[in-house]
Amino acid sequence: MEEIRRWEGSSCIAAEMEISVKTVASNIYLCKSAGRIQVNTNRLHRTMKISEEGRTLIENLIGNDVSVTLLDLKKKLLEQLNLHVLVTSINKVITTLNFTFKRVQLIPHS
């Protein structure tokens, strides 16, 4: 039997082996409970990659200019804190700060 790559889901494995997804999923479950497969705990407990200082900077930048973009925030974090982060990480911080995104649109004068 070929080695199964850890990032493949049940459907990929089932398609490769030409068996049902349910069979693969139940076998994986049995192997996990028997301790034959090690569970990747990194996915279960993700930590914030942006420090408290970075979170404060993001909050201040948004407070000063609500039209700031995620890319602008990324550049500011790099310039001011020498912090390389993904835009998705910045988005997660913004969500935890209870900010929401709104679409800006022009309203014609009547």
PDB file of N, CA and C in Angstrom:
ATOM      1  N   MET A   1       0.848  -1.190   0.000  1.00  0.00           N
ATOM      2  CA  MET A   1       0.000   0.000   0.000  1.00  0.00           C
ATOM      3  C   MET A   1       0.884   1.241   0.000  1.00  0.00           C
ATOM      4  N   GLU A   2       0.538   2.208  -0.819  1.00  0.00           N
ATOM      5  CA  GLU A   2       1.313   3.435  -0.907  1.00  0.00           C
ATOM      6  C   GLU A   2       1.191   4.254   0.374  1.00  0.00           C
ATOM      7  N   GLU A   3       2.229   5.046   0.619  1.00  0.00           N
ATOM      8  CA  GLU A   3       2.167   5.942   1.767  1.00  0.00           C
ATOM      9  C   GLU A   3       1.149   7.040   1.474  1.00  0.00           C
ATOM     10  N   ILE A   4       0.291   7.313   2.430  1.00  0.00           N
ATOM     11  CA  ILE A   4      -0.742   8.322   2.248  1.00  0.00           C
ATOM     12  C   ILE A   4      -0.205   9.657   2.729  1.00  0.00           C
ATOM     13  N   ARG A   5      -0.287  10.648   1.890  1.00  0.00           N
ATOM     14  CA  ARG A   5       0.206  11.971   2.252  1.00  0.00           C
ATOM     15  C   ARG A   5      -0.738  12.604   3.258  1.00  0.00           C
ATOM     16  N   ARG A   6      -0.172  13.269   4.256  1.00  0.00           N
ATOM     17  CA  ARG A   6      -0.960  13.727   5.397  1.00  0.00           C
ATOM     18  C   ARG A   6      -1.962  14.810   5.066  1.00  0.00           C
ATOM     19  N   TRP A   7      -1.795  15.537   3.958  1.00  0.00           N
ATOM     20  CA  TRP A   7      -2.715  16.622   3.639  1.00  0.00           C
ATOM     21  C   TRP A   7      -3.928  16.146   2.840  1.00  0.00           C
ATOM     22  N   GLU A   8      -3.914  14.898   2.439  1.00  0.00           N
ATOM     23  CA  GLU A   8      -5.032  14.390   1.652  1.00  0.00           C
ATOM     24  C   GLU A   8      -6.217  14.085   2.548  1.00  0.00           C
ATOM     25  N   GLY A   9      -7.373  14.466   2.104  1.00  0.00           N
ATOM     26  CA  GLY A   9      -8.594  14.156   2.838  1.00  0.00           C
ATOM     27  C   GLY A   9      -9.139  12.803   2.442  1.00  0.00           C
ATOM     28  N   SER A  10     -10.215  12.420   3.085  1.00  0.00           N
ATOM     29  CA  SER A  10     -10.822  11.113   2.835  1.00  0.00           C
ATOM     30  C   SER A  10     -11.257  10.952   1.381  1.00  0.00           C
ATOM     31  N   SER A  11     -11.779  12.042   0.787  1.00  0.00           N
ATOM     32  CA  SER A  11     -12.266  11.928  -0.595  1.00  0.00           C
ATOM     33  C   SER A  11     -11.125  11.708  -1.582  1.00  0.00           C
ATOM     34  N   CYS A  12      -9.977  12.341  -1.355  1.00  0.00           N
ATOM     35  CA  CYS A  12      -8.823  12.134  -2.239  1.00  0.00           C
ATOM     36  C   CYS A  12      -8.306  10.705  -2.132  1.00  0.00           C
ATOM     37  N   ILE A  13      -8.229  10.227  -0.905  1.00  0.00           N
ATOM     38  CA  ILE A  13      -7.744   8.864  -0.673  1.00  0.00           C
ATOM     39  C   ILE A  13      -8.711   7.856  -1.302  1.00  0.00           C
ATOM     40  N   ALA A  14     -10.012   8.086  -1.111  1.00  0.00           N
ATOM     41  CA  ALA A  14     -11.018   7.178  -1.666  1.00  0.00           C
ATOM     42  C   ALA A  14     -10.957   7.143  -3.181  1.00  0.00           C
ATOM     43  N   ALA A  15     -10.784   8.290  -3.803  1.00  0.00           N
ATOM     44  CA  ALA A  15     -10.710   8.336  -5.265  1.00  0.00           C
ATOM     45  C   ALA A  15      -9.470   7.611  -5.773  1.00  0.00           C
ATOM     46  N   GLU A  16      -8.347   7.777  -5.059  1.00  0.00           N
ATOM     47  CA  GLU A  16      -7.105   7.139  -5.471  1.00  0.00           C
ATOM     48  C   GLU A  16      -7.175   5.624  -5.335  1.00  0.00           C
ATOM     49  N   MET A  17      -7.829   5.152  -4.262  1.00  0.00           N
ATOM     50  CA  MET A  17      -7.904   3.721  -3.997  1.00  0.00           C
ATOM     51  C   MET A  17      -9.161   3.085  -4.592  1.00  0.00           C
ATOM     52  N   GLU A  18     -10.034   3.925  -5.149  1.00  0.00           N
ATOM     53  CA  GLU A  18     -11.283   3.483  -5.774  1.00  0.00           C
ATOM     54  C   GLU A  18     -12.182   2.719  -4.795  1.00  0.00           C
ATOM     55  N   ILE A  19     -12.356   3.316  -3.605  1.00  0.00           N
ATOM     56  CA  ILE A  19     -13.274   2.780  -2.604  1.00  0.00           C
ATOM     57  C   ILE A  19     -14.134   3.934  -2.095  1.00  0.00           C
ATOM     58  N   SER A  20     -15.129   3.630  -1.272  1.00  0.00           N
ATOM     59  CA  SER A  20     -16.039   4.682  -0.826  1.00  0.00           C
ATOM     60  C   SER A  20     -15.380   5.582   0.218  1.00  0.00           C
ATOM     61  N   VAL A  21     -15.830   6.813   0.245  1.00  0.00           N
ATOM     62  CA  VAL A  21     -15.324   7.798   1.194  1.00  0.00           C
ATOM     63  C   VAL A  21     -15.663   7.375   2.619  1.00  0.00           C
ATOM     64  N   LYS A  22     -16.836   6.802   2.795  1.00  0.00           N
ATOM     65  CA  LYS A  22     -17.276   6.358   4.119  1.00  0.00           C
ATOM     66  C   LYS A  22     -16.327   5.304   4.687  1.00  0.00           C
ATOM     67  N   THR A  23     -15.876   4.399   3.841  1.00  0.00           N
ATOM     68  CA  THR A  23     -14.947   3.353   4.267  1.00  0.00           C
ATOM     69  C   THR A  23     -13.624   3.960   4.720  1.00  0.00           C
ATOM     70  N   VAL A  24     -13.123   4.894   3.945  1.00  0.00           N
ATOM     71  CA  VAL A  24     -11.861   5.554   4.285  1.00  0.00           C
ATOM     72  C   VAL A  24     -12.004   6.317   5.591  1.00  0.00           C
ATOM     73  N   ALA A  25     -13.082   7.087   5.726  1.00  0.00           N
ATOM     74  CA  ALA A  25     -13.289   7.893   6.924  1.00  0.00           C
ATOM     75  C   ALA A  25     -13.395   7.020   8.166  1.00  0.00           C
ATOM     76  N   SER A  26     -14.114   5.907   8.071  1.00  0.00           N
ATOM     77  CA  SER A  26     -14.257   5.041   9.246  1.00  0.00           C
ATOM     78  C   SER A  26     -12.935   4.352   9.592  1.00  0.00           C
ATOM     79  N   ASN A  27     -12.140   3.987   8.589  1.00  0.00           N
ATOM     80  CA  ASN A  27     -10.830   3.386   8.858  1.00  0.00           C
ATOM     81  C   ASN A  27      -9.881   4.390   9.507  1.00  0.00           C
ATOM     82  N   ILE A  28      -9.927   5.618   9.052  1.00  0.00           N
ATOM     83  CA  ILE A  28      -9.093   6.654   9.663  1.00  0.00           C
ATOM     84  C   ILE A  28      -9.504   6.867  11.116  1.00  0.00           C
ATOM     85  N   TYR A  29     -10.804   6.889  11.364  1.00  0.00           N
ATOM     86  CA  TYR A  29     -11.315   7.046  12.728  1.00  0.00           C
ATOM     87  C   TYR A  29     -10.835   5.903  13.623  1.00  0.00           C
ATOM     88  N   LEU A  30     -10.921   4.679  13.143  1.00  0.00           N
ATOM     89  CA  LEU A  30     -10.484   3.523  13.926  1.00  0.00           C
ATOM     90  C   LEU A  30      -8.978   3.571  14.211  1.00  0.00           C
ATOM     91  N   CYS A  31      -8.209   3.965  13.216  1.00  0.00           N
ATOM     92  CA  CYS A  31      -6.756   4.055  13.404  1.00  0.00           C
ATOM     93  C   CYS A  31      -6.387   5.170  14.386  1.00  0.00           C
ATOM     94  N   LYS A  32      -7.093   6.286  14.337  1.00  0.00           N
ATOM     95  CA  LYS A  32      -6.837   7.369  15.284  1.00  0.00           C
ATOM     96  C   LYS A  32      -7.141   6.926  16.707  1.00  0.00           C
ATOM     97  N   SER A  33      -8.289   6.268  16.899  1.00  0.00           N
ATOM     98  CA  SER A  33      -8.676   5.863  18.245  1.00  0.00           C
ATOM     99  C   SER A  33      -7.767   4.753  18.782  1.00  0.00           C
ATOM    100  N   ALA A  34      -7.183   3.951  17.904  1.00  0.00           N
ATOM    101  CA  ALA A  34      -6.257   2.898  18.326  1.00  0.00           C
ATOM    102  C   ALA A  34      -4.841   3.437  18.528  1.00  0.00           C
ATOM    103  N   GLY A  35      -4.611   4.695  18.156  1.00  0.00           N
ATOM    104  CA  GLY A  35      -3.286   5.300  18.321  1.00  0.00           C
ATOM    105  C   GLY A  35      -2.325   4.974  17.199  1.00  0.00           C
ATOM    106  N   ARG A  36      -2.822   4.432  16.094  1.00  0.00           N
ATOM    107  CA  ARG A  36      -1.954   4.084  14.967  1.00  0.00           C
ATOM    108  C   ARG A  36      -1.673   5.281  14.072  1.00  0.00           C
ATOM    109  N   ILE A  37      -2.490   6.342  14.187  1.00  0.00           N
ATOM    110  CA  ILE A  37      -2.291   7.576  13.422  1.00  0.00           C
ATOM    111  C   ILE A  37      -2.138   8.701  14.420  1.00  0.00           C
ATOM    112  N   GLN A  38      -1.125   9.509  14.193  1.00  0.00           N
ATOM    113  CA  GLN A  38      -0.927  10.652  15.072  1.00  0.00           C
ATOM    114  C   GLN A  38      -1.720  11.833  14.521  1.00  0.00           C
ATOM    115  N   VAL A  39      -2.508  12.454  15.380  1.00  0.00           N
ATOM    116  CA  VAL A  39      -3.347  13.574  14.970  1.00  0.00           C
ATOM    117  C   VAL A  39      -2.504  14.837  14.942  1.00  0.00           C
ATOM    118  N   ASN A  40      -2.677  15.629  13.892  1.00  0.00           N
ATOM    119  CA  ASN A  40      -1.960  16.892  13.761  1.00  0.00           C
ATOM    120  C   ASN A  40      -2.619  17.925  14.670  1.00  0.00           C
ATOM    121  N   THR A  41      -2.007  18.195  15.807  1.00  0.00           N
ATOM    122  CA  THR A  41      -2.606  19.115  16.777  1.00  0.00           C
ATOM    123  C   THR A  41      -2.382  20.574  16.400  1.00  0.00           C
ATOM    124  N   ASN A  42      -1.491  20.846  15.468  1.00  0.00           N
ATOM    125  CA  ASN A  42      -1.260  22.240  15.060  1.00  0.00           C
ATOM    126  C   ASN A  42      -2.520  22.860  14.486  1.00  0.00           C
ATOM    127  N   ARG A  43      -3.313  22.096  13.794  1.00  0.00           N
ATOM    128  CA  ARG A  43      -4.530  22.622  13.187  1.00  0.00           C
ATOM    129  C   ARG A  43      -5.624  22.865  14.222  1.00  0.00           C
ATOM    130  N   LEU A  44      -5.573  22.133  15.330  1.00  0.00           N
ATOM    131  CA  LEU A  44      -6.628  22.244  16.321  1.00  0.00           C
ATOM    132  C   LEU A  44      -6.484  23.485  17.197  1.00  0.00           C
ATOM    133  N   HIS A  45      -5.259  23.855  17.520  1.00  0.00           N
ATOM    134  CA  HIS A  45      -5.010  24.963  18.439  1.00  0.00           C
ATOM    135  C   HIS A  45      -4.126  26.008  17.771  1.00  0.00           C
ATOM    136  N   ARG A  46      -4.695  26.766  16.886  1.00  0.00           N
ATOM    137  CA  ARG A  46      -3.917  27.796  16.201  1.00  0.00           C
ATOM    138  C   ARG A  46      -3.748  29.006  17.096  1.00  0.00           C
ATOM    139  N   THR A  47      -2.557  29.532  17.104  1.00  0.00           N
ATOM    140  CA  THR A  47      -2.289  30.710  17.914  1.00  0.00           C
ATOM    141  C   THR A  47      -2.226  31.940  17.020  1.00  0.00           C
ATOM    142  N   MET A  48      -2.388  33.096  17.624  1.00  0.00           N
ATOM    143  CA  MET A  48      -2.268  34.341  16.875  1.00  0.00           C
ATOM    144  C   MET A  48      -0.801  34.583  16.543  1.00  0.00           C
ATOM    145  N   LYS A  49      -0.529  34.909  15.310  1.00  0.00           N
ATOM    146  CA  LYS A  49       0.838  35.145  14.894  1.00  0.00           C
ATOM    147  C   LYS A  49       1.230  36.611  15.047  1.00  0.00           C
ATOM    148  N   ILE A  50       0.275  37.448  15.346  1.00  0.00           N
ATOM    149  CA  ILE A  50       0.561  38.871  15.495  1.00  0.00           C
ATOM    150  C   ILE A  50       0.607  39.189  16.981  1.00  0.00           C
ATOM    151  N   SER A  51       1.672  39.852  17.393  1.00  0.00           N
ATOM    152  CA  SER A  51       1.856  40.175  18.807  1.00  0.00           C
ATOM    153  C   SER A  51       0.824  41.208  19.265  1.00  0.00           C
ATOM    154  N   GLU A  52       0.782  41.416  20.563  1.00  0.00           N
ATOM    155  CA  GLU A  52      -0.140  42.407  21.133  1.00  0.00           C
ATOM    156  C   GLU A  52       0.203  43.799  20.627  1.00  0.00           C
ATOM    157  N   GLU A  53       1.488  44.062  20.449  1.00  0.00           N
ATOM    158  CA  GLU A  53       1.928  45.348  19.904  1.00  0.00           C
ATOM    159  C   GLU A  53       1.405  45.549  18.483  1.00  0.00           C
ATOM    160  N   GLY A  54       1.429  44.484  17.693  1.00  0.00           N
ATOM    161  CA  GLY A  54       0.898  44.546  16.337  1.00  0.00           C
ATOM    162  C   GLY A  54      -0.603  44.744  16.323  1.00  0.00           C
ATOM    163  N   ARG A  55      -1.289  44.065  17.240  1.00  0.00           N
ATOM    164  CA  ARG A  55      -2.750  44.218  17.342  1.00  0.00           C
ATOM    165  C   ARG A  55      -3.108  45.658  17.698  1.00  0.00           C
ATOM    166  N   THR A  56      -2.341  46.246  18.627  1.00  0.00           N
ATOM    167  CA  THR A  56      -2.586  47.634  19.023  1.00  0.00           C
ATOM    168  C   THR A  56      -2.346  48.583  17.858  1.00  0.00           C
ATOM    169  N   LEU A  57      -1.280  48.325  17.098  1.00  0.00           N
ATOM    170  CA  LEU A  57      -0.982  49.166  15.933  1.00  0.00           C
ATOM    171  C   LEU A  57      -2.109  49.080  14.910  1.00  0.00           C
ATOM    172  N   ILE A  58      -2.609  47.877  14.645  1.00  0.00           N
ATOM    173  CA  ILE A  58      -3.708  47.705  13.694  1.00  0.00           C
ATOM    174  C   ILE A  58      -4.935  48.472  14.166  1.00  0.00           C
ATOM    175  N   GLU A  59      -5.248  48.345  15.446  1.00  0.00           N
ATOM    176  CA  GLU A  59      -6.419  49.039  15.998  1.00  0.00           C
ATOM    177  C   GLU A  59      -6.269  50.549  15.885  1.00  0.00           C
ATOM    178  N   ASN A  60      -5.066  51.065  16.161  1.00  0.00           N
ATOM    179  CA  ASN A  60      -4.826  52.511  16.055  1.00  0.00           C
ATOM    180  C   ASN A  60      -4.891  52.994  14.615  1.00  0.00           C
ATOM    181  N   LEU A  61      -4.325  52.214  13.693  1.00  0.00           N
ATOM    182  CA  LEU A  61      -4.352  52.615  12.285  1.00  0.00           C
ATOM    183  C   LEU A  61      -5.779  52.654  11.744  1.00  0.00           C
ATOM    184  N   ILE A  62      -6.585  51.683  12.126  1.00  0.00           N
ATOM    185  CA  ILE A  62      -7.982  51.677  11.688  1.00  0.00           C
ATOM    186  C   ILE A  62      -8.748  52.815  12.353  1.00  0.00           C
ATOM    187  N   GLY A  63      -8.436  53.078  13.624  1.00  0.00           N
ATOM    188  CA  GLY A  63      -9.097  54.178  14.332  1.00  0.00           C
ATOM    189  C   GLY A  63      -8.785  55.525  13.721  1.00  0.00           C
ATOM    190  N   ASN A  64      -7.559  55.691  13.220  1.00  0.00           N
ATOM    191  CA  ASN A  64      -7.160  56.961  12.599  1.00  0.00           C
ATOM    192  C   ASN A  64      -7.692  57.115  11.188  1.00  0.00           C
ATOM    193  N   ASP A  65      -7.776  56.019  10.455  1.00  0.00           N
ATOM    194  CA  ASP A  65      -8.224  56.074   9.057  1.00  0.00           C
ATOM    195  C   ASP A  65      -9.015  54.812   8.746  1.00  0.00           C
ATOM    196  N   VAL A  66     -10.323  54.931   8.716  1.00  0.00           N
ATOM    197  CA  VAL A  66     -11.167  53.751   8.497  1.00  0.00           C
ATOM    198  C   VAL A  66     -11.113  53.233   7.062  1.00  0.00           C
ATOM    199  N   SER A  67     -10.553  53.999   6.151  1.00  0.00           N
ATOM    200  CA  SER A  67     -10.472  53.552   4.762  1.00  0.00           C
ATOM    201  C   SER A  67      -9.170  52.811   4.468  1.00  0.00           C
ATOM    202  N   VAL A  68      -8.376  52.529   5.492  1.00  0.00           N
ATOM    203  CA  VAL A  68      -7.108  51.839   5.292  1.00  0.00           C
ATOM    204  C   VAL A  68      -7.384  50.399   4.814  1.00  0.00           C
ATOM    205  N   THR A  69      -6.574  49.928   3.886  1.00  0.00           N
ATOM    206  CA  THR A  69      -6.765  48.591   3.310  1.00  0.00           C
ATOM    207  C   THR A  69      -5.895  47.573   4.044  1.00  0.00           C
ATOM    208  N   LEU A  70      -6.183  46.310   3.810  1.00  0.00           N
ATOM    209  CA  LEU A  70      -5.385  45.250   4.424  1.00  0.00           C
ATOM    210  C   LEU A  70      -3.932  45.310   3.964  1.00  0.00           C
ATOM    211  N   LEU A  71      -3.726  45.646   2.691  1.00  0.00           N
ATOM    212  CA  LEU A  71      -2.359  45.763   2.181  1.00  0.00           C
ATOM    213  C   LEU A  71      -1.620  46.936   2.826  1.00  0.00           C
ATOM    214  N   ASP A  72      -2.339  48.040   3.064  1.00  0.00           N
ATOM    215  CA  ASP A  72      -1.725  49.171   3.759  1.00  0.00           C
ATOM    216  C   ASP A  72      -1.325  48.780   5.177  1.00  0.00           C
ATOM    217  N   LEU A  73      -2.195  48.033   5.847  1.00  0.00           N
ATOM    218  CA  LEU A  73      -1.886  47.580   7.205  1.00  0.00           C
ATOM    219  C   LEU A  73      -0.674  46.653   7.205  1.00  0.00           C
ATOM    220  N   LYS A  74      -0.591  45.800   6.203  1.00  0.00           N
ATOM    221  CA  LYS A  74       0.552  44.896   6.089  1.00  0.00           C
ATOM    222  C   LYS A  74       1.848  45.685   5.921  1.00  0.00           C
ATOM    223  N   LYS A  75       1.824  46.712   5.078  1.00  0.00           N
ATOM    224  CA  LYS A  75       3.014  47.542   4.862  1.00  0.00           C
ATOM    225  C   LYS A  75       3.409  48.284   6.130  1.00  0.00           C
ATOM    226  N   LYS A  76       2.422  48.812   6.853  1.00  0.00           N
ATOM    227  CA  LYS A  76       2.699  49.552   8.087  1.00  0.00           C
ATOM    228  C   LYS A  76       3.304  48.635   9.155  1.00  0.00           C
ATOM    229  N   LEU A  77       2.789  47.412   9.260  1.00  0.00           N
ATOM    230  CA  LEU A  77       3.352  46.459  10.220  1.00  0.00           C
ATOM    231  C   LEU A  77       4.802  46.131   9.881  1.00  0.00           C
ATOM    232  N   LEU A  78       5.095  46.035   8.595  1.00  0.00           N
ATOM    233  CA  LEU A  78       6.458  45.756   8.163  1.00  0.00           C
ATOM    234  C   LEU A  78       7.372  46.949   8.445  1.00  0.00           C
ATOM    235  N   GLU A  79       6.895  48.154   8.131  1.00  0.00           N
ATOM    236  CA  GLU A  79       7.705  49.361   8.326  1.00  0.00           C
ATOM    237  C   GLU A  79       7.951  49.666   9.804  1.00  0.00           C
ATOM    238  N   GLN A  80       6.889  49.623  10.598  1.00  0.00           N
ATOM    239  CA  GLN A  80       6.999  50.083  11.976  1.00  0.00           C
ATOM    240  C   GLN A  80       7.481  49.014  12.952  1.00  0.00           C
ATOM    241  N   LEU A  81       7.091  47.764  12.729  1.00  0.00           N
ATOM    242  CA  LEU A  81       7.452  46.710  13.677  1.00  0.00           C
ATOM    243  C   LEU A  81       8.353  45.635  13.082  1.00  0.00           C
ATOM    244  N   ASN A  82       8.687  45.784  11.799  1.00  0.00           N
ATOM    245  CA  ASN A  82       9.461  44.774  11.071  1.00  0.00           C
ATOM    246  C   ASN A  82       8.809  43.397  11.220  1.00  0.00           C
ATOM    247  N   LEU A  83       7.503  43.374  11.039  1.00  0.00           N
ATOM    248  CA  LEU A  83       6.700  42.178  11.236  1.00  0.00           C
ATOM    249  C   LEU A  83       6.124  41.733   9.893  1.00  0.00           C
ATOM    250  N   HIS A  84       6.524  40.547   9.457  1.00  0.00           N
ATOM    251  CA  HIS A  84       6.022  39.984   8.202  1.00  0.00           C
ATOM    252  C   HIS A  84       4.810  39.117   8.516  1.00  0.00           C
ATOM    253  N   VAL A  85       3.637  39.521   8.051  1.00  0.00           N
ATOM    254  CA  VAL A  85       2.410  38.760   8.303  1.00  0.00           C
ATOM    255  C   VAL A  85       1.606  38.640   7.018  1.00  0.00           C
ATOM    256  N   LEU A  86       0.728  37.664   6.994  1.00  0.00           N
ATOM    257  CA  LEU A  86      -0.180  37.496   5.864  1.00  0.00           C
ATOM    258  C   LEU A  86      -1.397  38.396   6.036  1.00  0.00           C
ATOM    259  N   VAL A  87      -2.000  38.726   4.924  1.00  0.00           N
ATOM    260  CA  VAL A  87      -3.204  39.547   4.949  1.00  0.00           C
ATOM    261  C   VAL A  87      -4.319  38.823   5.704  1.00  0.00           C
ATOM    262  N   THR A  88      -4.362  37.495   5.600  1.00  0.00           N
ATOM    263  CA  THR A  88      -5.391  36.733   6.312  1.00  0.00           C
ATOM    264  C   THR A  88      -5.214  36.840   7.828  1.00  0.00           C
ATOM    265  N   SER A  89      -3.973  36.910   8.290  1.00  0.00           N
ATOM    266  CA  SER A  89      -3.728  37.075   9.725  1.00  0.00           C
ATOM    267  C   SER A  89      -4.224  38.433  10.203  1.00  0.00           C
ATOM    268  N   ILE A  90      -4.002  39.460   9.387  1.00  0.00           N
ATOM    269  CA  ILE A  90      -4.487  40.795   9.721  1.00  0.00           C
ATOM    270  C   ILE A  90      -6.010  40.787   9.751  1.00  0.00           C
ATOM    271  N   ASN A  91      -6.611  40.105   8.799  1.00  0.00           N
ATOM    272  CA  ASN A  91      -8.073  40.000   8.744  1.00  0.00           C
ATOM    273  C   ASN A  91      -8.624  39.328   9.999  1.00  0.00           C
ATOM    274  N   LYS A  92      -7.951  38.284  10.488  1.00  0.00           N
ATOM    275  CA  LYS A  92      -8.383  37.609  11.709  1.00  0.00           C
ATOM    276  C   LYS A  92      -8.319  38.544  12.910  1.00  0.00           C
ATOM    277  N   VAL A  93      -7.260  39.352  12.985  1.00  0.00           N
ATOM    278  CA  VAL A  93      -7.128  40.309  14.088  1.00  0.00           C
ATOM    279  C   VAL A  93      -8.257  41.331  14.025  1.00  0.00           C
ATOM    280  N   ILE A  94      -8.550  41.829  12.829  1.00  0.00           N
ATOM    281  CA  ILE A  94      -9.628  42.811  12.665  1.00  0.00           C
ATOM    282  C   ILE A  94     -10.962  42.213  13.108  1.00  0.00           C
ATOM    283  N   THR A  95     -11.179  40.948  12.784  1.00  0.00           N
ATOM    284  CA  THR A  95     -12.414  40.281  13.191  1.00  0.00           C
ATOM    285  C   THR A  95     -12.498  40.162  14.711  1.00  0.00           C
ATOM    286  N   THR A  96     -11.373  39.836  15.365  1.00  0.00           N
ATOM    287  CA  THR A  96     -11.388  39.726  16.827  1.00  0.00           C
ATOM    288  C   THR A  96     -11.566  41.076  17.510  1.00  0.00           C
ATOM    289  N   LEU A  97     -11.233  42.154  16.810  1.00  0.00           N
ATOM    290  CA  LEU A  97     -11.422  43.500  17.364  1.00  0.00           C
ATOM    291  C   LEU A  97     -12.849  44.004  17.138  1.00  0.00           C
ATOM    292  N   ASN A  98     -13.691  43.154  16.582  1.00  0.00           N
ATOM    293  CA  ASN A  98     -15.104  43.466  16.304  1.00  0.00           C
ATOM    294  C   ASN A  98     -15.288  44.593  15.292  1.00  0.00           C
ATOM    295  N   PHE A  99     -14.363  44.715  14.357  1.00  0.00           N
ATOM    296  CA  PHE A  99     -14.546  45.609  13.227  1.00  0.00           C
ATOM    297  C   PHE A  99     -15.201  44.814  12.109  1.00  0.00           C
ATOM    298  N   THR A 100     -15.954  45.480  11.260  1.00  0.00           N
ATOM    299  CA  THR A 100     -16.562  44.814  10.116  1.00  0.00           C
ATOM    300  C   THR A 100     -16.196  45.573   8.853  1.00  0.00           C
ATOM    301  N   PHE A 101     -16.259  44.879   7.731  1.00  0.00           N
ATOM    302  CA  PHE A 101     -15.990  45.491   6.443  1.00  0.00           C
ATOM    303  C   PHE A 101     -17.296  45.953   5.825  1.00  0.00           C
ATOM    304  N   LYS A 102     -17.278  47.138   5.291  1.00  0.00           N
ATOM    305  CA  LYS A 102     -18.439  47.674   4.591  1.00  0.00           C
ATOM    306  C   LYS A 102     -17.993  48.110   3.203  1.00  0.00           C
ATOM    307  N   ARG A 103     -18.855  47.963   2.259  1.00  0.00           N
ATOM    308  CA  ARG A 103     -18.553  48.409   0.901  1.00  0.00           C
ATOM    309  C   ARG A 103     -18.873  49.899   0.799  1.00  0.00           C
ATOM    310  N   VAL A 104     -17.935  50.635   0.246  1.00  0.00           N
ATOM    311  CA  VAL A 104     -18.133  52.058   0.059  1.00  0.00           C
ATOM    312  C   VAL A 104     -18.740  52.271  -1.322  1.00  0.00           C
ATOM    313  N   GLN A 105     -19.807  53.064  -1.360  1.00  0.00           N
ATOM    314  CA  GLN A 105     -20.430  53.350  -2.653  1.00  0.00           C
ATOM    315  C   GLN A 105     -20.808  54.808  -2.709  1.00  0.00           C
ATOM    316  N   LEU A 106     -20.818  55.316  -3.895  1.00  0.00           N
ATOM    317  CA  LEU A 106     -21.191  56.718  -4.108  1.00  0.00           C
ATOM    318  C   LEU A 106     -22.703  56.848  -4.146  1.00  0.00           C
ATOM    319  N   ILE A 107     -23.222  57.827  -3.478  1.00  0.00           N
ATOM    320  CA  ILE A 107     -24.664  58.103  -3.493  1.00  0.00           C
ATOM    321  C   ILE A 107     -24.859  59.392  -4.280  1.00  0.00           C
ATOM    322  N   PRO A 108     -25.562  59.329  -5.412  1.00  0.00           N
ATOM    323  CA  PRO A 108     -25.743  60.522  -6.217  1.00  0.00           C
ATOM    324  C   PRO A 108     -26.653  61.557  -5.506  1.00  0.00           C
ATOM    325  N   HIS A 109     -26.316  62.832  -5.706  1.00  0.00           N
ATOM    326  CA  HIS A 109     -27.160  63.897  -5.143  1.00  0.00           C
ATOM    327  C   HIS A 109     -28.421  64.017  -5.979  1.00  0.00           C
ATOM    328  N   SER A 110     -29.540  64.249  -5.324  1.00  0.00           N
ATOM    329  CA  SER A 110     -30.782  64.372  -6.089  1.00  0.00           C
ATOM    330  C   SER A 110     -31.152  65.814  -6.296  1.00  0.00           C
TER     331      SER A 110
END
